[in-house]
Amino acid sequence: TNPNSGPYCTSKFAVRGFTLTLAQELRNTTVNVACVFPGGVKTNIVRNERFRKVSRPEMTKEDEEALFQKYIVWTSADRAARI
């Protein structure tokens, strides 16, 4: 996680917590509960100047984008919406 990413991280942990709770509540039924994490989705979050300055202030914007492209497998936002 990065500084100033509290709301983003909170929403991700909330989905996981809700899924675990729902699975426990429905464990004696025929309903199965699963939480799907799609992985990296290519959005403009890394281009956000505020995010970039906090995450790696010593890197240029271009250097950081190249690093993300090299090491992260991206799913397009359109494809993630269909999953």
PDB file of N, CA and C in Angstrom:
ATOM      1  N   THR A   1       0.834  -1.184   0.000  1.00  0.00           N
ATOM      2  CA  THR A   1       0.000   0.000   0.000  1.00  0.00           C
ATOM      3  C   THR A   1       0.876   1.244   0.000  1.00  0.00           C
ATOM      4  N   ASN A   2       0.276   2.337  -0.342  1.00  0.00           N
ATOM      5  CA  ASN A   2       0.968   3.615  -0.385  1.00  0.00           C
ATOM      6  C   ASN A   2       0.296   4.590   0.563  1.00  0.00           C
ATOM      7  N   PRO A   3       1.046   5.587   1.058  1.00  0.00           N
ATOM      8  CA  PRO A   3       0.406   6.626   1.863  1.00  0.00           C
ATOM      9  C   PRO A   3      -0.725   7.276   1.072  1.00  0.00           C
ATOM     10  N   ASN A   4      -1.740   7.710   1.749  1.00  0.00           N
ATOM     11  CA  ASN A   4      -2.907   8.378   1.153  1.00  0.00           C
ATOM     12  C   ASN A   4      -3.780   7.448   0.321  1.00  0.00           C
ATOM     13  N   SER A   5      -3.619   6.144   0.473  1.00  0.00           N
ATOM     14  CA  SER A   5      -4.475   5.222  -0.279  1.00  0.00           C
ATOM     15  C   SER A   5      -5.497   4.545   0.637  1.00  0.00           C
ATOM     16  N   GLY A   6      -5.787   5.175   1.770  1.00  0.00           N
ATOM     17  CA  GLY A   6      -6.719   4.611   2.748  1.00  0.00           C
ATOM     18  C   GLY A   6      -8.084   4.258   2.189  1.00  0.00           C
ATOM     19  N   PRO A   7      -8.770   5.181   1.515  1.00  0.00           N
ATOM     20  CA  PRO A   7     -10.092   4.840   0.981  1.00  0.00           C
ATOM     21  C   PRO A   7     -10.047   3.689  -0.028  1.00  0.00           C
ATOM     22  N   TYR A   8      -9.026   3.680  -0.876  1.00  0.00           N
ATOM     23  CA  TYR A   8      -8.888   2.613  -1.869  1.00  0.00           C
ATOM     24  C   TYR A   8      -8.697   1.262  -1.181  1.00  0.00           C
ATOM     25  N   CYS A   9      -7.750   1.200  -0.249  1.00  0.00           N
ATOM     26  CA  CYS A   9      -7.476  -0.067   0.452  1.00  0.00           C
ATOM     27  C   CYS A   9      -8.656  -0.499   1.306  1.00  0.00           C
ATOM     28  N   THR A  10      -9.312   0.460   1.947  1.00  0.00           N
ATOM     29  CA  THR A  10     -10.467   0.141   2.782  1.00  0.00           C
ATOM     30  C   THR A  10     -11.551  -0.540   1.971  1.00  0.00           C
ATOM     31  N   SER A  11     -11.817  -0.039   0.780  1.00  0.00           N
ATOM     32  CA  SER A  11     -12.867  -0.647  -0.045  1.00  0.00           C
ATOM     33  C   SER A  11     -12.497  -2.066  -0.454  1.00  0.00           C
ATOM     34  N   LYS A  12     -11.209  -2.311  -0.733  1.00  0.00           N
ATOM     35  CA  LYS A  12     -10.777  -3.662  -1.119  1.00  0.00           C
ATOM     36  C   LYS A  12     -10.898  -4.631   0.052  1.00  0.00           C
ATOM     37  N   PHE A  13     -10.458  -4.226   1.240  1.00  0.00           N
ATOM     38  CA  PHE A  13     -10.559  -5.085   2.416  1.00  0.00           C
ATOM     39  C   PHE A  13     -12.018  -5.300   2.817  1.00  0.00           C
ATOM     40  N   ALA A  14     -12.862  -4.294   2.606  1.00  0.00           N
ATOM     41  CA  ALA A  14     -14.278  -4.422   2.949  1.00  0.00           C
ATOM     42  C   ALA A  14     -14.945  -5.507   2.114  1.00  0.00           C
ATOM     43  N   VAL A  15     -14.638  -5.563   0.837  1.00  0.00           N
ATOM     44  CA  VAL A  15     -15.211  -6.597  -0.032  1.00  0.00           C
ATOM     45  C   VAL A  15     -14.794  -7.977   0.451  1.00  0.00           C
ATOM     46  N   ARG A  16     -13.533  -8.134   0.795  1.00  0.00           N
ATOM     47  CA  ARG A  16     -13.043  -9.433   1.285  1.00  0.00           C
ATOM     48  C   ARG A  16     -13.715  -9.806   2.607  1.00  0.00           C
ATOM     49  N   GLY A  17     -13.804  -8.871   3.531  1.00  0.00           N
ATOM     50  CA  GLY A  17     -14.445  -9.132   4.820  1.00  0.00           C
ATOM     51  C   GLY A  17     -15.911  -9.476   4.672  1.00  0.00           C
ATOM     52  N   PHE A  18     -16.609  -8.743   3.821  1.00  0.00           N
ATOM     53  CA  PHE A  18     -18.020  -9.027   3.575  1.00  0.00           C
ATOM     54  C   PHE A  18     -18.195 -10.421   2.983  1.00  0.00           C
ATOM     55  N   THR A  19     -17.322 -10.790   2.055  1.00  0.00           N
ATOM     56  CA  THR A  19     -17.395 -12.112   1.431  1.00  0.00           C
ATOM     57  C   THR A  19     -17.195 -13.220   2.459  1.00  0.00           C
ATOM     58  N   LEU A  20     -16.203 -13.077   3.317  1.00  0.00           N
ATOM     59  CA  LEU A  20     -15.951 -14.095   4.348  1.00  0.00           C
ATOM     60  C   LEU A  20     -17.132 -14.214   5.309  1.00  0.00           C
ATOM     61  N   THR A  21     -17.689 -13.073   5.710  1.00  0.00           N
ATOM     62  CA  THR A  21     -18.835 -13.082   6.615  1.00  0.00           C
ATOM     63  C   THR A  21     -20.046 -13.723   5.959  1.00  0.00           C
ATOM     64  N   LEU A  22     -20.318 -13.359   4.726  1.00  0.00           N
ATOM     65  CA  LEU A  22     -21.457 -13.925   4.006  1.00  0.00           C
ATOM     66  C   LEU A  22     -21.302 -15.428   3.825  1.00  0.00           C
ATOM     67  N   ALA A  23     -20.098 -15.880   3.534  1.00  0.00           N
ATOM     68  CA  ALA A  23     -19.848 -17.318   3.385  1.00  0.00           C
ATOM     69  C   ALA A  23     -20.161 -18.055   4.683  1.00  0.00           C
ATOM     70  N   GLN A  24     -19.783 -17.474   5.817  1.00  0.00           N
ATOM     71  CA  GLN A  24     -20.078 -18.102   7.108  1.00  0.00           C
ATOM     72  C   GLN A  24     -21.576 -18.116   7.388  1.00  0.00           C
ATOM     73  N   GLU A  25     -22.243 -17.024   7.080  1.00  0.00           N
ATOM     74  CA  GLU A  25     -23.682 -16.938   7.329  1.00  0.00           C
ATOM     75  C   GLU A  25     -24.474 -17.914   6.468  1.00  0.00           C
ATOM     76  N   LEU A  26     -23.961 -18.236   5.297  1.00  0.00           N
ATOM     77  CA  LEU A  26     -24.679 -19.118   4.367  1.00  0.00           C
ATOM     78  C   LEU A  26     -24.101 -20.530   4.314  1.00  0.00           C
ATOM     79  N   ARG A  27     -23.214 -20.867   5.234  1.00  0.00           N
ATOM     80  CA  ARG A  27     -22.512 -22.157   5.178  1.00  0.00           C
ATOM     81  C   ARG A  27     -23.442 -23.361   5.260  1.00  0.00           C
ATOM     82  N   ASN A  28     -24.598 -23.228   5.875  1.00  0.00           N
ATOM     83  CA  ASN A  28     -25.533 -24.354   5.997  1.00  0.00           C
ATOM     84  C   ASN A  28     -26.623 -24.328   4.935  1.00  0.00           C
ATOM     85  N   THR A  29     -26.368 -23.602   3.864  1.00  0.00           N
ATOM     86  CA  THR A  29     -27.329 -23.532   2.759  1.00  0.00           C
ATOM     87  C   THR A  29     -26.660 -24.080   1.496  1.00  0.00           C
ATOM     88  N   THR A  30     -27.388 -24.038   0.404  1.00  0.00           N
ATOM     89  CA  THR A  30     -26.822 -24.487  -0.874  1.00  0.00           C
ATOM     90  C   THR A  30     -26.140 -23.344  -1.638  1.00  0.00           C
ATOM     91  N   VAL A  31     -26.042 -22.186  -1.005  1.00  0.00           N
ATOM     92  CA  VAL A  31     -25.438 -21.021  -1.652  1.00  0.00           C
ATOM     93  C   VAL A  31     -23.933 -21.008  -1.380  1.00  0.00           C
ATOM     94  N   ASN A  32     -23.147 -20.926  -2.434  1.00  0.00           N
ATOM     95  CA  ASN A  32     -21.694 -20.796  -2.313  1.00  0.00           C
ATOM     96  C   ASN A  32     -21.310 -19.339  -2.535  1.00  0.00           C
ATOM     97  N   VAL A  33     -20.328 -18.882  -1.803  1.00  0.00           N
ATOM     98  CA  VAL A  33     -19.879 -17.495  -1.900  1.00  0.00           C
ATOM     99  C   VAL A  33     -18.405 -17.487  -2.287  1.00  0.00           C
ATOM    100  N   ALA A  34     -18.054 -16.648  -3.243  1.00  0.00           N
ATOM    101  CA  ALA A  34     -16.659 -16.533  -3.667  1.00  0.00           C
ATOM    102  C   ALA A  34     -16.323 -15.064  -3.884  1.00  0.00           C
ATOM    103  N   CYS A  35     -15.083 -14.737  -3.677  1.00  0.00           N
ATOM    104  CA  CYS A  35     -14.587 -13.387  -3.917  1.00  0.00           C
ATOM    105  C   CYS A  35     -13.564 -13.471  -5.046  1.00  0.00           C
ATOM    106  N   VAL A  36     -13.799 -12.759  -6.116  1.00  0.00           N
ATOM    107  CA  VAL A  36     -12.908 -12.795  -7.272  1.00  0.00           C
ATOM    108  C   VAL A  36     -12.090 -11.506  -7.312  1.00  0.00           C
ATOM    109  N   PHE A  37     -10.780 -11.659  -7.294  1.00  0.00           N
ATOM    110  CA  PHE A  37      -9.879 -10.521  -7.431  1.00  0.00           C
ATOM    111  C   PHE A  37      -9.308 -10.560  -8.843  1.00  0.00           C
ATOM    112  N   PRO A  38      -9.640  -9.581  -9.688  1.00  0.00           N
ATOM    113  CA  PRO A  38      -9.224  -9.653 -11.086  1.00  0.00           C
ATOM    114  C   PRO A  38      -7.753  -9.363 -11.337  1.00  0.00           C
ATOM    115  N   GLY A  39      -7.009  -8.949 -10.340  1.00  0.00           N
ATOM    116  CA  GLY A  39      -5.616  -8.576 -10.579  1.00  0.00           C
ATOM    117  C   GLY A  39      -5.530  -7.135 -11.035  1.00  0.00           C
ATOM    118  N   GLY A  40      -4.433  -6.784 -11.663  1.00  0.00           N
ATOM    119  CA  GLY A  40      -4.242  -5.411 -12.096  1.00  0.00           C
ATOM    120  C   GLY A  40      -5.174  -5.036 -13.230  1.00  0.00           C
ATOM    121  N   VAL A  41      -5.822  -3.905 -13.095  1.00  0.00           N
ATOM    122  CA  VAL A  41      -6.693  -3.385 -14.148  1.00  0.00           C
ATOM    123  C   VAL A  41      -6.082  -2.078 -14.629  1.00  0.00           C
ATOM    124  N   LYS A  42      -5.904  -1.979 -15.924  1.00  0.00           N
ATOM    125  CA  LYS A  42      -5.242  -0.801 -16.493  1.00  0.00           C
ATOM    126  C   LYS A  42      -6.184   0.403 -16.432  1.00  0.00           C
ATOM    127  N   THR A  43      -5.898   1.275 -15.492  1.00  0.00           N
ATOM    128  CA  THR A  43      -6.635   2.531 -15.354  1.00  0.00           C
ATOM    129  C   THR A  43      -5.607   3.660 -15.305  1.00  0.00           C
ATOM    130  N   ASN A  44      -6.069   4.856 -15.091  1.00  0.00           N
ATOM    131  CA  ASN A  44      -5.157   6.004 -15.041  1.00  0.00           C
ATOM    132  C   ASN A  44      -4.634   6.294 -13.636  1.00  0.00           C
ATOM    133  N   ILE A  45      -4.807   5.371 -12.675  1.00  0.00           N
ATOM    134  CA  ILE A  45      -4.388   5.652 -11.302  1.00  0.00           C
ATOM    135  C   ILE A  45      -2.894   5.954 -11.210  1.00  0.00           C
ATOM    136  N   VAL A  46      -2.063   5.267 -11.987  1.00  0.00           N
ATOM    137  CA  VAL A  46      -0.620   5.532 -11.904  1.00  0.00           C
ATOM    138  C   VAL A  46      -0.236   6.845 -12.577  1.00  0.00           C
ATOM    139  N   ARG A  47      -1.133   7.402 -13.345  1.00  0.00           N
ATOM    140  CA  ARG A  47      -0.853   8.700 -13.962  1.00  0.00           C
ATOM    141  C   ARG A  47      -1.271   9.855 -13.062  1.00  0.00           C
ATOM    142  N   ASN A  48      -1.958   9.539 -11.975  1.00  0.00           N
ATOM    143  CA  ASN A  48      -2.397  10.548 -11.030  1.00  0.00           C
ATOM    144  C   ASN A  48      -1.166  11.132 -10.342  1.00  0.00           C
ATOM    145  N   GLU A  49      -0.944  12.404 -10.504  1.00  0.00           N
ATOM    146  CA  GLU A  49       0.260  13.060  -9.982  1.00  0.00           C
ATOM    147  C   GLU A  49       0.387  12.907  -8.470  1.00  0.00           C
ATOM    148  N   ARG A  50      -0.717  13.013  -7.747  1.00  0.00           N
ATOM    149  CA  ARG A  50      -0.679  12.879  -6.286  1.00  0.00           C
ATOM    150  C   ARG A  50      -0.217  11.480  -5.890  1.00  0.00           C
ATOM    151  N   PHE A  51      -0.734  10.460  -6.554  1.00  0.00           N
ATOM    152  CA  PHE A  51      -0.354   9.070  -6.276  1.00  0.00           C
ATOM    153  C   PHE A  51       1.123   8.858  -6.583  1.00  0.00           C
ATOM    154  N   ARG A  52       1.586   9.347  -7.717  1.00  0.00           N
ATOM    155  CA  ARG A  52       2.962   9.140  -8.140  1.00  0.00           C
ATOM    156  C   ARG A  52       3.956   9.787  -7.180  1.00  0.00           C
ATOM    157  N   LYS A  53       3.702  10.990  -6.744  1.00  0.00           N
ATOM    158  CA  LYS A  53       4.633  11.686  -5.861  1.00  0.00           C
ATOM    159  C   LYS A  53       4.781  10.979  -4.520  1.00  0.00           C
ATOM    160  N   VAL A  54       3.730  10.362  -4.054  1.00  0.00           N
ATOM    161  CA  VAL A  54       3.779   9.674  -2.762  1.00  0.00           C
ATOM    162  C   VAL A  54       4.415   8.303  -2.900  1.00  0.00           C
ATOM    163  N   SER A  55       4.098   7.590  -3.983  1.00  0.00           N
ATOM    164  CA  SER A  55       4.571   6.215  -4.110  1.00  0.00           C
ATOM    165  C   SER A  55       6.068   6.123  -4.398  1.00  0.00           C
ATOM    166  N   ARG A  56       6.574   6.962  -5.294  1.00  0.00           N
ATOM    167  CA  ARG A  56       8.001   6.930  -5.644  1.00  0.00           C
ATOM    168  C   ARG A  56       8.453   8.343  -6.015  1.00  0.00           C
ATOM    169  N   PRO A  57       8.667   9.193  -5.036  1.00  0.00           N
ATOM    170  CA  PRO A  57       8.994  10.593  -5.353  1.00  0.00           C
ATOM    171  C   PRO A  57      10.301  10.767  -6.116  1.00  0.00           C
ATOM    172  N   GLU A  58      11.218   9.797  -6.031  1.00  0.00           N
ATOM    173  CA  GLU A  58      12.515   9.931  -6.703  1.00  0.00           C
ATOM    174  C   GLU A  58      12.463   9.564  -8.184  1.00  0.00           C
ATOM    175  N   MET A  59      11.367   8.965  -8.632  1.00  0.00           N
ATOM    176  CA  MET A  59      11.259   8.528 -10.030  1.00  0.00           C
ATOM    177  C   MET A  59      10.478   9.543 -10.854  1.00  0.00           C
ATOM    178  N   THR A  60      10.838   9.648 -12.124  1.00  0.00           N
ATOM    179  CA  THR A  60      10.047  10.480 -13.019  1.00  0.00           C
ATOM    180  C   THR A  60       8.758   9.743 -13.355  1.00  0.00           C
ATOM    181  N   LYS A  61       7.807  10.477 -13.847  1.00  0.00           N
ATOM    182  CA  LYS A  61       6.529   9.885 -14.239  1.00  0.00           C
ATOM    183  C   LYS A  61       6.743   8.797 -15.296  1.00  0.00           C
ATOM    184  N   GLU A  62       7.594   9.066 -16.263  1.00  0.00           N
ATOM    185  CA  GLU A  62       7.853   8.110 -17.340  1.00  0.00           C
ATOM    186  C   GLU A  62       8.534   6.846 -16.813  1.00  0.00           C
ATOM    187  N   ASP A  63       9.493   7.017 -15.885  1.00  0.00           N
ATOM    188  CA  ASP A  63      10.181   5.859 -15.300  1.00  0.00           C
ATOM    189  C   ASP A  63       9.208   4.962 -14.541  1.00  0.00           C
ATOM    190  N   GLU A  64       8.325   5.579 -13.766  1.00  0.00           N
ATOM    191  CA  GLU A  64       7.387   4.784 -12.985  1.00  0.00           C
ATOM    192  C   GLU A  64       6.397   4.052 -13.890  1.00  0.00           C
ATOM    193  N   GLU A  65       5.900   4.712 -14.920  1.00  0.00           N
ATOM    194  CA  GLU A  65       4.982   4.045 -15.845  1.00  0.00           C
ATOM    195  C   GLU A  65       5.670   2.875 -16.538  1.00  0.00           C
ATOM    196  N   ALA A  66       6.939   3.036 -16.906  1.00  0.00           N
ATOM    197  CA  ALA A  66       7.687   1.943 -17.540  1.00  0.00           C
ATOM    198  C   ALA A  66       7.856   0.775 -16.571  1.00  0.00           C
ATOM    199  N   LEU A  67       8.106   1.064 -15.304  1.00  0.00           N
ATOM    200  CA  LEU A  67       8.245   0.020 -14.291  1.00  0.00           C
ATOM    201  C   LEU A  67       6.941  -0.758 -14.131  1.00  0.00           C
ATOM    202  N   PHE A  68       5.824  -0.050 -14.073  1.00  0.00           N
ATOM    203  CA  PHE A  68       4.525  -0.716 -13.973  1.00  0.00           C
ATOM    204  C   PHE A  68       4.291  -1.616 -15.179  1.00  0.00           C
ATOM    205  N   GLN A  69       4.566  -1.105 -16.363  1.00  0.00           N
ATOM    206  CA  GLN A  69       4.340  -1.889 -17.579  1.00  0.00           C
ATOM    207  C   GLN A  69       5.209  -3.140 -17.623  1.00  0.00           C
ATOM    208  N   LYS A  70       6.406  -3.055 -17.065  1.00  0.00           N
ATOM    209  CA  LYS A  70       7.336  -4.177 -17.096  1.00  0.00           C
ATOM    210  C   LYS A  70       6.921  -5.301 -16.151  1.00  0.00           C
ATOM    211  N   TYR A  71       6.415  -4.969 -14.974  1.00  0.00           N
ATOM    212  CA  TYR A  71       6.204  -5.983 -13.949  1.00  0.00           C
ATOM    213  C   TYR A  71       4.749  -6.326 -13.634  1.00  0.00           C
ATOM    214  N   ILE A  72       3.818  -5.573 -14.140  1.00  0.00           N
ATOM    215  CA  ILE A  72       2.419  -5.838 -13.806  1.00  0.00           C
ATOM    216  C   ILE A  72       1.675  -6.331 -15.034  1.00  0.00           C
ATOM    217  N   VAL A  73       0.936  -7.410 -14.863  1.00  0.00           N
ATOM    218  CA  VAL A  73       0.082  -7.930 -15.929  1.00  0.00           C
ATOM    219  C   VAL A  73      -1.245  -7.191 -15.822  1.00  0.00           C
ATOM    220  N   TRP A  74      -1.616  -6.528 -16.880  1.00  0.00           N
ATOM    221  CA  TRP A  74      -2.815  -5.700 -16.850  1.00  0.00           C
ATOM    222  C   TRP A  74      -3.995  -6.368 -17.533  1.00  0.00           C
ATOM    223  N   THR A  75      -5.160  -6.104 -17.006  1.00  0.00           N
ATOM    224  CA  THR A  75      -6.426  -6.435 -17.642  1.00  0.00           C
ATOM    225  C   THR A  75      -7.056  -5.104 -18.021  1.00  0.00           C
ATOM    226  N   SER A  76      -7.615  -5.005 -19.199  1.00  0.00           N
ATOM    227  CA  SER A  76      -8.246  -3.746 -19.586  1.00  0.00           C
ATOM    228  C   SER A  76      -9.476  -3.504 -18.713  1.00  0.00           C
ATOM    229  N   ALA A  77      -9.830  -2.241 -18.518  1.00  0.00           N
ATOM    230  CA  ALA A  77     -11.006  -1.902 -17.722  1.00  0.00           C
ATOM    231  C   ALA A  77     -12.267  -2.500 -18.341  1.00  0.00           C
ATOM    232  N   ASP A  78     -12.352  -2.524 -19.673  1.00  0.00           N
ATOM    233  CA  ASP A  78     -13.521  -3.111 -20.342  1.00  0.00           C
ATOM    234  C   ASP A  78     -13.641  -4.600 -20.047  1.00  0.00           C
ATOM    235  N   ARG A  79     -12.529  -5.307 -20.093  1.00  0.00           N
ATOM    236  CA  ARG A  79     -12.553  -6.751 -19.811  1.00  0.00           C
ATOM    237  C   ARG A  79     -12.896  -7.013 -18.347  1.00  0.00           C
ATOM    238  N   ALA A  80     -12.327  -6.230 -17.448  1.00  0.00           N
ATOM    239  CA  ALA A  80     -12.616  -6.400 -16.021  1.00  0.00           C
ATOM    240  C   ALA A  80     -14.098  -6.180 -15.739  1.00  0.00           C
ATOM    241  N   ALA A  81     -14.718  -5.247 -16.443  1.00  0.00           N
ATOM    242  CA  ALA A  81     -16.147  -4.984 -16.247  1.00  0.00           C
ATOM    243  C   ALA A  81     -17.003  -6.169 -16.664  1.00  0.00           C
ATOM    244  N   ARG A  82     -16.519  -6.969 -17.603  1.00  0.00           N
ATOM    245  CA  ARG A  82     -17.283  -8.134 -18.069  1.00  0.00           C
ATOM    246  C   ARG A  82     -17.109  -9.351 -17.167  1.00  0.00           C
ATOM    247  N   ILE A  83     -16.064  -9.361 -16.349  1.00  0.00           N
ATOM    248  CA  ILE A  83     -15.781 -10.534 -15.507  1.00  0.00           C
ATOM    249  C   ILE A  83     -16.782 -10.643 -14.378  1.00  0.00           C
TER     250      ILE A  83
END
